[in-house]
Amino acid sequence: MPAVTIRNLSEETHRALKVRAAQQGRSTEAEIRHILEQAVRPASRIRLGSLLAEIGRSAGLTDLDCAVFDDLRDKTVSEPEAME
């Protein structure tokens, strides 16, 4: 699993992180992971599949309409590129 080192963190910030972690019942490291996870993967983020499904619903597409797209799709099996 990847690791990240944060240099030059102020004592005040480190102390605040320790307090926040204790309030949440987590280690400082676990709290930092939690903060980073929430920052880069918020629960409110737009998920592409859900967005596309909503667009289809709002356009009134049915499963039969979508089957047309599947019939038009290129079904040729691709060959992997040779690594030389």
PDB file of N, CA and C in Angstrom:
ATOM      1  N   MET A   1       0.846  -1.166   0.000  1.00  0.00           N
ATOM      2  CA  MET A   1       0.000   0.000   0.000  1.00  0.00           C
ATOM      3  C   MET A   1       0.896   1.235   0.000  1.00  0.00           C
ATOM      4  N   PRO A   2       0.531   2.256  -0.773  1.00  0.00           N
ATOM      5  CA  PRO A   2       1.340   3.467  -0.842  1.00  0.00           C
ATOM      6  C   PRO A   2       1.429   4.180   0.504  1.00  0.00           C
ATOM      7  N   ALA A   3       2.517   4.899   0.690  1.00  0.00           N
ATOM      8  CA  ALA A   3       2.717   5.691   1.904  1.00  0.00           C
ATOM      9  C   ALA A   3       3.058   7.120   1.498  1.00  0.00           C
ATOM     10  N   VAL A   4       2.658   8.063   2.336  1.00  0.00           N
ATOM     11  CA  VAL A   4       2.922   9.475   2.082  1.00  0.00           C
ATOM     12  C   VAL A   4       3.599  10.060   3.309  1.00  0.00           C
ATOM     13  N   THR A   5       4.636  10.853   3.094  1.00  0.00           N
ATOM     14  CA  THR A   5       5.301  11.553   4.182  1.00  0.00           C
ATOM     15  C   THR A   5       4.994  13.033   4.038  1.00  0.00           C
ATOM     16  N   ILE A   6       4.577  13.653   5.127  1.00  0.00           N
ATOM     17  CA  ILE A   6       4.278  15.083   5.110  1.00  0.00           C
ATOM     18  C   ILE A   6       5.347  15.786   5.934  1.00  0.00           C
ATOM     19  N   ARG A   7       6.104  16.637   5.271  1.00  0.00           N
ATOM     20  CA  ARG A   7       7.176  17.361   5.954  1.00  0.00           C
ATOM     21  C   ARG A   7       6.721  18.769   6.294  1.00  0.00           C
ATOM     22  N   ASN A   8       7.391  19.350   7.254  1.00  0.00           N
ATOM     23  CA  ASN A   8       7.189  20.749   7.646  1.00  0.00           C
ATOM     24  C   ASN A   8       5.761  21.046   8.111  1.00  0.00           C
ATOM     25  N   LEU A   9       5.144  20.090   8.779  1.00  0.00           N
ATOM     26  CA  LEU A   9       3.828  20.298   9.372  1.00  0.00           C
ATOM     27  C   LEU A   9       4.027  21.069  10.666  1.00  0.00           C
ATOM     28  N   SER A  10       3.280  22.131  10.842  1.00  0.00           N
ATOM     29  CA  SER A  10       3.477  22.945  12.044  1.00  0.00           C
ATOM     30  C   SER A  10       3.063  22.161  13.286  1.00  0.00           C
ATOM     31  N   GLU A  11       3.661  22.524  14.411  1.00  0.00           N
ATOM     32  CA  GLU A  11       3.318  21.875  15.684  1.00  0.00           C
ATOM     33  C   GLU A  11       1.838  22.075  16.010  1.00  0.00           C
ATOM     34  N   GLU A  12       1.324  23.260  15.697  1.00  0.00           N
ATOM     35  CA  GLU A  12      -0.086  23.554  15.977  1.00  0.00           C
ATOM     36  C   GLU A  12      -1.010  22.625  15.182  1.00  0.00           C
ATOM     37  N   THR A  13      -0.680  22.418  13.914  1.00  0.00           N
ATOM     38  CA  THR A  13      -1.493  21.545  13.069  1.00  0.00           C
ATOM     39  C   THR A  13      -1.408  20.109  13.565  1.00  0.00           C
ATOM     40  N   HIS A  14      -0.217  19.664  13.897  1.00  0.00           N
ATOM     41  CA  HIS A  14      -0.039  18.302  14.388  1.00  0.00           C
ATOM     42  C   HIS A  14      -0.812  18.100  15.687  1.00  0.00           C
ATOM     43  N   ARG A  15      -0.747  19.051  16.568  1.00  0.00           N
ATOM     44  CA  ARG A  15      -1.468  18.975  17.842  1.00  0.00           C
ATOM     45  C   ARG A  15      -2.985  18.938  17.589  1.00  0.00           C
ATOM     46  N   ALA A  16      -3.466  19.777  16.658  1.00  0.00           N
ATOM     47  CA  ALA A  16      -4.896  19.803  16.329  1.00  0.00           C
ATOM     48  C   ALA A  16      -5.350  18.472  15.725  1.00  0.00           C
ATOM     49  N   LEU A  17      -4.491  17.874  14.925  1.00  0.00           N
ATOM     50  CA  LEU A  17      -4.818  16.566  14.351  1.00  0.00           C
ATOM     51  C   LEU A  17      -4.913  15.502  15.445  1.00  0.00           C
ATOM     52  N   LYS A  18      -3.998  15.554  16.397  1.00  0.00           N
ATOM     53  CA  LYS A  18      -4.017  14.591  17.502  1.00  0.00           C
ATOM     54  C   LYS A  18      -5.289  14.742  18.329  1.00  0.00           C
ATOM     55  N   VAL A  19      -5.697  15.988  18.594  1.00  0.00           N
ATOM     56  CA  VAL A  19      -6.918  16.241  19.364  1.00  0.00           C
ATOM     57  C   VAL A  19      -8.131  15.746  18.596  1.00  0.00           C
ATOM     58  N   ARG A  20      -8.193  16.090  17.319  1.00  0.00           N
ATOM     59  CA  ARG A  20      -9.321  15.656  16.481  1.00  0.00           C
ATOM     60  C   ARG A  20      -9.397  14.137  16.423  1.00  0.00           C
ATOM     61  N   ALA A  21      -8.259  13.474  16.278  1.00  0.00           N
ATOM     62  CA  ALA A  21      -8.226  12.012  16.234  1.00  0.00           C
ATOM     63  C   ALA A  21      -8.756  11.431  17.542  1.00  0.00           C
ATOM     64  N   ALA A  22      -8.316  11.989  18.666  1.00  0.00           N
ATOM     65  CA  ALA A  22      -8.768  11.495  19.972  1.00  0.00           C
ATOM     66  C   ALA A  22     -10.273  11.672  20.121  1.00  0.00           C
ATOM     67  N   GLN A  23     -10.809  12.780  19.636  1.00  0.00           N
ATOM     68  CA  GLN A  23     -12.250  13.021  19.721  1.00  0.00           C
ATOM     69  C   GLN A  23     -13.043  12.005  18.904  1.00  0.00           C
ATOM     70  N   GLN A  24     -12.445  11.526  17.839  1.00  0.00           N
ATOM     71  CA  GLN A  24     -13.108  10.544  16.980  1.00  0.00           C
ATOM     72  C   GLN A  24     -12.777   9.101  17.364  1.00  0.00           C
ATOM     73  N   GLY A  25     -11.917   8.942  18.351  1.00  0.00           N
ATOM     74  CA  GLY A  25     -11.524   7.600  18.771  1.00  0.00           C
ATOM     75  C   GLY A  25     -10.608   6.907  17.789  1.00  0.00           C
ATOM     76  N   ARG A  26      -9.812   7.682  17.068  1.00  0.00           N
ATOM     77  CA  ARG A  26      -8.892   7.131  16.075  1.00  0.00           C
ATOM     78  C   ARG A  26      -7.460   7.537  16.417  1.00  0.00           C
ATOM     79  N   SER A  27      -6.534   6.822  15.826  1.00  0.00           N
ATOM     80  CA  SER A  27      -5.140   7.242  15.925  1.00  0.00           C
ATOM     81  C   SER A  27      -4.958   8.467  15.026  1.00  0.00           C
ATOM     82  N   THR A  28      -3.876   9.184  15.245  1.00  0.00           N
ATOM     83  CA  THR A  28      -3.604  10.358  14.402  1.00  0.00           C
ATOM     84  C   THR A  28      -3.465   9.933  12.950  1.00  0.00           C
ATOM     85  N   GLU A  29      -2.783   8.844  12.706  1.00  0.00           N
ATOM     86  CA  GLU A  29      -2.611   8.352  11.344  1.00  0.00           C
ATOM     87  C   GLU A  29      -3.949   7.997  10.706  1.00  0.00           C
ATOM     88  N   ALA A  30      -4.816   7.319  11.456  1.00  0.00           N
ATOM     89  CA  ALA A  30      -6.135   6.961  10.928  1.00  0.00           C
ATOM     90  C   ALA A  30      -6.962   8.206  10.657  1.00  0.00           C
ATOM     91  N   GLU A  31      -6.835   9.213  11.503  1.00  0.00           N
ATOM     92  CA  GLU A  31      -7.578  10.464  11.298  1.00  0.00           C
ATOM     93  C   GLU A  31      -7.101  11.172  10.036  1.00  0.00           C
ATOM     94  N   ILE A  32      -5.807  11.199   9.808  1.00  0.00           N
ATOM     95  CA  ILE A  32      -5.262  11.821   8.596  1.00  0.00           C
ATOM     96  C   ILE A  32      -5.765  11.074   7.363  1.00  0.00           C
ATOM     97  N   ARG A  33      -5.768   9.736   7.417  1.00  0.00           N
ATOM     98  CA  ARG A  33      -6.316   8.948   6.295  1.00  0.00           C
ATOM     99  C   ARG A  33      -7.771   9.311   6.051  1.00  0.00           C
ATOM    100  N   HIS A  34      -8.536   9.419   7.136  1.00  0.00           N
ATOM    101  CA  HIS A  34      -9.957   9.754   7.018  1.00  0.00           C
ATOM    102  C   HIS A  34     -10.141  11.134   6.376  1.00  0.00           C
ATOM    103  N   ILE A  35      -9.382  12.115   6.823  1.00  0.00           N
ATOM    104  CA  ILE A  35      -9.472  13.466   6.267  1.00  0.00           C
ATOM    105  C   ILE A  35      -9.135  13.465   4.777  1.00  0.00           C
ATOM    106  N   LEU A  36      -8.058  12.795   4.409  1.00  0.00           N
ATOM    107  CA  LEU A  36      -7.661  12.746   3.002  1.00  0.00           C
ATOM    108  C   LEU A  36      -8.711  12.030   2.155  1.00  0.00           C
ATOM    109  N   GLU A  37      -9.235  10.929   2.665  1.00  0.00           N
ATOM    110  CA  GLU A  37     -10.264  10.165   1.942  1.00  0.00           C
ATOM    111  C   GLU A  37     -11.498  11.028   1.695  1.00  0.00           C
ATOM    112  N   GLN A  38     -11.942  11.762   2.707  1.00  0.00           N
ATOM    113  CA  GLN A  38     -13.107  12.633   2.570  1.00  0.00           C
ATOM    114  C   GLN A  38     -12.834  13.778   1.589  1.00  0.00           C
ATOM    115  N   ALA A  39     -11.604  14.247   1.558  1.00  0.00           N
ATOM    116  CA  ALA A  39     -11.256  15.369   0.678  1.00  0.00           C
ATOM    117  C   ALA A  39     -11.250  14.960  -0.788  1.00  0.00           C
ATOM    118  N   VAL A  40     -10.741  13.779  -1.086  1.00  0.00           N
ATOM    119  CA  VAL A  40     -10.601  13.387  -2.489  1.00  0.00           C
ATOM    120  C   VAL A  40     -11.728  12.495  -2.989  1.00  0.00           C
ATOM    121  N   ARG A  41     -12.492  11.910  -2.074  1.00  0.00           N
ATOM    122  CA  ARG A  41     -13.607  11.046  -2.482  1.00  0.00           C
ATOM    123  C   ARG A  41     -14.859  11.380  -1.672  1.00  0.00           C
ATOM    124  N   PRO A  42     -15.372  12.597  -1.830  1.00  0.00           N
ATOM    125  CA  PRO A  42     -16.546  12.980  -1.032  1.00  0.00           C
ATOM    126  C   PRO A  42     -17.772  12.152  -1.422  1.00  0.00           C
ATOM    127  N   ALA A  43     -18.657  11.942  -0.463  1.00  0.00           N
ATOM    128  CA  ALA A  43     -19.870  11.146  -0.703  1.00  0.00           C
ATOM    129  C   ALA A  43     -20.753  11.786  -1.768  1.00  0.00           C
ATOM    130  N   SER A  44     -20.653  13.102  -1.930  1.00  0.00           N
ATOM    131  CA  SER A  44     -21.514  13.809  -2.876  1.00  0.00           C
ATOM    132  C   SER A  44     -20.936  13.862  -4.291  1.00  0.00           C
ATOM    133  N   ARG A  45     -19.825  13.168  -4.526  1.00  0.00           N
ATOM    134  CA  ARG A  45     -19.219  13.252  -5.857  1.00  0.00           C
ATOM    135  C   ARG A  45     -20.138  12.619  -6.899  1.00  0.00           C
ATOM    136  N   ILE A  46     -20.045  13.095  -8.110  1.00  0.00           N
ATOM    137  CA  ILE A  46     -20.853  12.576  -9.205  1.00  0.00           C
ATOM    138  C   ILE A  46     -20.231  11.277  -9.684  1.00  0.00           C
ATOM    139  N   ARG A  47     -21.036  10.249  -9.750  1.00  0.00           N
ATOM    140  CA  ARG A  47     -20.575   8.953 -10.243  1.00  0.00           C
ATOM    141  C   ARG A  47     -21.032   8.821 -11.691  1.00  0.00           C
ATOM    142  N   LEU A  48     -20.100   8.534 -12.579  1.00  0.00           N
ATOM    143  CA  LEU A  48     -20.355   8.549 -14.014  1.00  0.00           C
ATOM    144  C   LEU A  48     -21.497   7.620 -14.408  1.00  0.00           C
ATOM    145  N   GLY A  49     -21.490   6.389 -13.924  1.00  0.00           N
ATOM    146  CA  GLY A  49     -22.539   5.441 -14.289  1.00  0.00           C
ATOM    147  C   GLY A  49     -23.916   5.920 -13.865  1.00  0.00           C
ATOM    148  N   SER A  50     -23.999   6.443 -12.650  1.00  0.00           N
ATOM    149  CA  SER A  50     -25.279   6.964 -12.154  1.00  0.00           C
ATOM    150  C   SER A  50     -25.724   8.163 -12.974  1.00  0.00           C
ATOM    151  N   LEU A  51     -24.786   9.029 -13.328  1.00  0.00           N
ATOM    152  CA  LEU A  51     -25.110  10.200 -14.131  1.00  0.00           C
ATOM    153  C   LEU A  51     -25.639   9.792 -15.505  1.00  0.00           C
ATOM    154  N   LEU A  52     -24.964   8.842 -16.150  1.00  0.00           N
ATOM    155  CA  LEU A  52     -25.410   8.388 -17.468  1.00  0.00           C
ATOM    156  C   LEU A  52     -26.785   7.723 -17.400  1.00  0.00           C
ATOM    157  N   ALA A  53     -27.019   6.931 -16.351  1.00  0.00           N
ATOM    158  CA  ALA A  53     -28.328   6.301 -16.189  1.00  0.00           C
ATOM    159  C   ALA A  53     -29.411   7.350 -16.007  1.00  0.00           C
ATOM    160  N   GLU A  54     -29.126   8.387 -15.235  1.00  0.00           N
ATOM    161  CA  GLU A  54     -30.097   9.466 -15.023  1.00  0.00           C
ATOM    162  C   GLU A  54     -30.378  10.205 -16.318  1.00  0.00           C
ATOM    163  N   ILE A  55     -29.349  10.435 -17.121  1.00  0.00           N
ATOM    164  CA  ILE A  55     -29.547  11.097 -18.420  1.00  0.00           C
ATOM    165  C   ILE A  55     -30.450  10.244 -19.296  1.00  0.00           C
ATOM    166  N   GLY A  56     -30.215   8.943 -19.312  1.00  0.00           N
ATOM    167  CA  GLY A  56     -31.056   8.037 -20.092  1.00  0.00           C
ATOM    168  C   GLY A  56     -32.498   8.055 -19.630  1.00  0.00           C
ATOM    169  N   ARG A  57     -32.699   8.040 -18.300  1.00  0.00           N
ATOM    170  CA  ARG A  57     -34.062   8.081 -17.760  1.00  0.00           C
ATOM    171  C   ARG A  57     -34.757   9.388 -18.116  1.00  0.00           C
ATOM    172  N   SER A  58     -34.021  10.506 -17.961  1.00  0.00           N
ATOM    173  CA  SER A  58     -34.637  11.806 -18.240  1.00  0.00           C
ATOM    174  C   SER A  58     -34.948  11.958 -19.736  1.00  0.00           C
ATOM    175  N   ALA A  59     -34.205  11.266 -20.593  1.00  0.00           N
ATOM    176  CA  ALA A  59     -34.473  11.302 -22.036  1.00  0.00           C
ATOM    177  C   ALA A  59     -35.573  10.323 -22.414  1.00  0.00           C
ATOM    178  N   GLY A  60     -36.010   9.497 -21.451  1.00  0.00           N
ATOM    179  CA  GLY A  60     -37.089   8.551 -21.714  1.00  0.00           C
ATOM    180  C   GLY A  60     -36.636   7.278 -22.407  1.00  0.00           C
ATOM    181  N   LEU A  61     -35.342   6.965 -22.344  1.00  0.00           N
ATOM    182  CA  LEU A  61     -34.849   5.740 -22.982  1.00  0.00           C
ATOM    183  C   LEU A  61     -35.321   4.504 -22.213  1.00  0.00           C
ATOM    184  N   THR A  62     -35.651   3.476 -22.953  1.00  0.00           N
ATOM    185  CA  THR A  62     -36.060   2.209 -22.353  1.00  0.00           C
ATOM    186  C   THR A  62     -34.965   1.176 -22.590  1.00  0.00           C
ATOM    187  N   ASP A  63     -35.125   0.000 -22.007  1.00  0.00           N
ATOM    188  CA  ASP A  63     -34.164  -1.080 -22.236  1.00  0.00           C
ATOM    189  C   ASP A  63     -34.109  -1.455 -23.715  1.00  0.00           C
ATOM    190  N   LEU A  64     -35.266  -1.385 -24.393  1.00  0.00           N
ATOM    191  CA  LEU A  64     -35.290  -1.704 -25.826  1.00  0.00           C
ATOM    192  C   LEU A  64     -34.492  -0.674 -26.621  1.00  0.00           C
ATOM    193  N   ASP A  65     -34.599   0.597 -26.227  1.00  0.00           N
ATOM    194  CA  ASP A  65     -33.816   1.639 -26.902  1.00  0.00           C
ATOM    195  C   ASP A  65     -32.321   1.382 -26.728  1.00  0.00           C
ATOM    196  N   CYS A  66     -31.946   0.996 -25.533  1.00  0.00           N
ATOM    197  CA  CYS A  66     -30.527   0.739 -25.249  1.00  0.00           C
ATOM    198  C   CYS A  66     -30.026  -0.499 -25.974  1.00  0.00           C
ATOM    199  N   ALA A  67     -30.909  -1.458 -26.218  1.00  0.00           N
ATOM    200  CA  ALA A  67     -30.519  -2.671 -26.948  1.00  0.00           C
ATOM    201  C   ALA A  67     -30.051  -2.321 -28.360  1.00  0.00           C
ATOM    202  N   VAL A  68     -30.617  -1.275 -28.938  1.00  0.00           N
ATOM    203  CA  VAL A  68     -30.196  -0.829 -30.268  1.00  0.00           C
ATOM    204  C   VAL A  68     -28.716  -0.453 -30.236  1.00  0.00           C
ATOM    205  N   PHE A  69     -28.319   0.252 -29.191  1.00  0.00           N
ATOM    206  CA  PHE A  69     -26.909   0.631 -29.066  1.00  0.00           C
ATOM    207  C   PHE A  69     -26.021  -0.606 -28.942  1.00  0.00           C
ATOM    208  N   ASP A  70     -26.486  -1.593 -28.213  1.00  0.00           N
ATOM    209  CA  ASP A  70     -25.713  -2.826 -28.050  1.00  0.00           C
ATOM    210  C   ASP A  70     -25.562  -3.543 -29.391  1.00  0.00           C
ATOM    211  N   ASP A  71     -26.620  -3.511 -30.208  1.00  0.00           N
ATOM    212  CA  ASP A  71     -26.550  -4.142 -31.529  1.00  0.00           C
ATOM    213  C   ASP A  71     -25.565  -3.422 -32.438  1.00  0.00           C
ATOM    214  N   LEU A  72     -25.440  -2.108 -32.272  1.00  0.00           N
ATOM    215  CA  LEU A  72     -24.540  -1.323 -33.116  1.00  0.00           C
ATOM    216  C   LEU A  72     -23.088  -1.384 -32.671  1.00  0.00           C
ATOM    217  N   ARG A  73     -22.867  -1.811 -31.433  1.00  0.00           N
ATOM    218  CA  ARG A  73     -21.523  -1.826 -30.864  1.00  0.00           C
ATOM    219  C   ARG A  73     -20.607  -2.789 -31.624  1.00  0.00           C
ATOM    220  N   ASP A  74     -19.384  -2.382 -31.839  1.00  0.00           N
ATOM    221  CA  ASP A  74     -18.382  -3.235 -32.482  1.00  0.00           C
ATOM    222  C   ASP A  74     -18.016  -4.351 -31.516  1.00  0.00           C
ATOM    223  N   LYS A  75     -18.267  -5.581 -31.908  1.00  0.00           N
ATOM    224  CA  LYS A  75     -18.016  -6.724 -31.034  1.00  0.00           C
ATOM    225  C   LYS A  75     -16.746  -7.484 -31.418  1.00  0.00           C
ATOM    226  N   THR A  76     -15.916  -6.854 -32.262  1.00  0.00           N
ATOM    227  CA  THR A  76     -14.669  -7.480 -32.678  1.00  0.00           C
ATOM    228  C   THR A  76     -13.756  -7.608 -31.458  1.00  0.00           C
ATOM    229  N   VAL A  77     -13.240  -8.807 -31.262  1.00  0.00           N
ATOM    230  CA  VAL A  77     -12.320  -9.034 -30.144  1.00  0.00           C
ATOM    231  C   VAL A  77     -10.972  -8.414 -30.506  1.00  0.00           C
ATOM    232  N   SER A  78     -10.474  -7.581 -29.617  1.00  0.00           N
ATOM    233  CA  SER A  78      -9.189  -6.935 -29.901  1.00  0.00           C
ATOM    234  C   SER A  78      -8.053  -7.811 -29.399  1.00  0.00           C
ATOM    235  N   GLU A  79      -6.956  -7.721 -30.096  1.00  0.00           N
ATOM    236  CA  GLU A  79      -5.755  -8.464 -29.753  1.00  0.00           C
ATOM    237  C   GLU A  79      -4.864  -7.550 -28.913  1.00  0.00           C
ATOM    238  N   PRO A  80      -4.232  -8.092 -27.885  1.00  0.00           N
ATOM    239  CA  PRO A  80      -3.328  -7.266 -27.078  1.00  0.00           C
ATOM    240  C   PRO A  80      -2.122  -6.820 -27.892  1.00  0.00           C
ATOM    241  N   GLU A  81      -1.626  -5.657 -27.586  1.00  0.00           N
ATOM    242  CA  GLU A  81      -0.437  -5.136 -28.246  1.00  0.00           C
ATOM    243  C   GLU A  81       0.776  -5.961 -27.853  1.00  0.00           C
ATOM    244  N   ALA A  82       1.640  -6.197 -28.816  1.00  0.00           N
ATOM    245  CA  ALA A  82       2.872  -6.935 -28.549  1.00  0.00           C
ATOM    246  C   ALA A  82       3.849  -6.033 -27.824  1.00  0.00           C
ATOM    247  N   MET A  83       4.421  -6.541 -26.749  1.00  0.00           N
ATOM    248  CA  MET A  83       5.415  -5.778 -26.000  1.00  0.00           C
ATOM    249  C   MET A  83       6.795  -6.199 -26.464  1.00  0.00           C
ATOM    250  N   GLU A  84       7.477  -5.327 -27.129  1.00  0.00           N
ATOM    251  CA  GLU A  84       8.797  -5.685 -27.674  1.00  0.00           C
ATOM    252  C   GLU A  84       9.895  -4.987 -26.955  1.00  0.00           C
TER     253      GLU A  84
END
